[in-house]
Amino acid sequence: MGGMRHGGGRTRFARVCTLLLALFLWFGWPAQSAAYAVLTHEAIIDSVWDTNIRPLLLKQHSSAAITAPMLHDLLRRFCP
């Protein structure tokens, strides 16, 4: 019986450590991280716009110039 009690102690210790880690992450996570994610996404799109995205759009819609309303419509369809 003594061995089972010792094993149960490890399980309890693991649960307490997991709980403490979860609380630390919950209360210690910066609230501004969502803003950084948006800015990072915008920077990635800006960096590949001229080299990758614009040529693909022009190839797909070669008969018309890409206007702001067209771009808005495409983004609404593919980026919900």
Protein backbone atom coordinates (compact mmCIF):
# COMPACT_ATOMS: atom_id res chain seq x y z
CA MET A 1 0.00 0.00 0.00
CA GLY A 2 2.86 2.35 0.73
CA GLY A 3 4.02 2.25 -2.89
CA MET A 4 0.60 3.23 -4.16
CA ARG A 5 0.52 6.23 -1.88
CA HIS A 6 3.89 7.37 -3.21
CA GLY A 7 2.72 7.02 -6.82
CA GLY A 8 -0.44 8.98 -6.02
CA GLY A 9 1.73 11.74 -4.62
CA ARG A 10 3.51 12.07 -7.95
CA THR A 11 0.18 12.29 -9.75
CA ARG A 12 -0.99 15.00 -7.37
CA PHE A 13 2.31 16.84 -7.79
CA ALA A 14 1.92 16.68 -11.58
CA ARG A 15 -1.64 18.03 -11.34
CA VAL A 16 -0.55 20.88 -9.08
CA CYS A 17 2.30 21.75 -11.46
CA THR A 18 -0.07 21.67 -14.43
CA LEU A 19 -2.53 23.92 -12.62
CA LEU A 20 0.22 26.38 -11.66
CA LEU A 21 1.50 26.45 -15.23
CA ALA A 22 -2.01 27.04 -16.59
CA LEU A 23 -2.60 29.87 -14.11
CA PHE A 24 0.78 31.42 -14.92
CA LEU A 25 0.06 31.33 -18.64
CA TRP A 26 -3.50 32.61 -18.17
CA PHE A 27 -2.57 35.60 -16.02
CA GLY A 28 0.90 36.20 -17.43
CA TRP A 29 -0.01 36.23 -21.13
CA PRO A 30 0.22 39.77 -22.57
CA ALA A 31 -3.10 41.16 -23.77
CA GLN A 32 -1.37 43.06 -26.58
CA SER A 33 -0.26 39.91 -28.39
CA ALA A 34 -3.31 39.99 -30.69
CA ALA A 35 -2.27 43.42 -31.95
CA TYR A 36 1.20 42.14 -32.72
CA ALA A 37 -0.30 39.22 -34.66
CA VAL A 38 -2.30 41.62 -36.84
CA LEU A 39 0.72 43.82 -37.45
CA THR A 40 2.85 40.79 -38.30
CA HIS A 41 0.25 39.56 -40.78
CA GLU A 42 0.11 43.00 -42.38
CA ALA A 43 3.90 43.14 -42.65
CA ILE A 44 4.02 39.70 -44.31
CA ILE A 45 1.37 40.70 -46.85
CA ASP A 46 3.18 43.99 -47.56
CA SER A 47 6.48 42.19 -48.07
CA VAL A 48 5.13 39.72 -50.65
CA TRP A 49 2.53 41.94 -52.34
CA ASP A 50 4.67 43.13 -55.29
CA THR A 51 6.53 39.88 -55.84
CA ASN A 52 3.87 37.20 -55.30
CA ILE A 53 0.30 38.32 -54.70
CA ARG A 54 -0.14 41.10 -57.27
CA PRO A 55 1.22 39.03 -60.21
CA LEU A 56 -1.15 36.17 -59.32
CA LEU A 57 -4.11 38.53 -59.19
CA LEU A 58 -3.13 40.16 -62.48
CA LYS A 59 -2.73 36.75 -64.09
CA GLN A 60 -6.16 35.65 -62.90
CA HIS A 61 -7.85 38.93 -63.82
CA SER A 62 -5.65 40.07 -66.70
CA SER A 63 -8.40 41.93 -68.58
CA ALA A 64 -9.04 44.43 -65.81
CA ALA A 65 -6.94 46.51 -63.51
CA ILE A 66 -7.28 45.52 -59.90
CA THR A 67 -9.24 48.23 -58.16
CA ALA A 68 -9.89 48.68 -54.46
CA PRO A 69 -13.47 47.30 -54.64
CA MET A 70 -12.25 44.21 -56.53
CA LEU A 71 -9.51 43.65 -53.97
CA HIS A 72 -12.00 44.08 -51.14
CA ASP A 73 -14.31 41.53 -52.74
CA LEU A 74 -11.47 39.02 -53.24
CA LEU A 75 -10.28 39.44 -49.68
CA ARG A 76 -13.81 39.01 -48.34
CA ARG A 77 -14.18 35.75 -50.26
CA PHE A 78 -10.86 34.16 -49.33
CA CYS A 79 -10.05 35.75 -45.94
CA PRO A 80 -13.15 35.60 -43.73
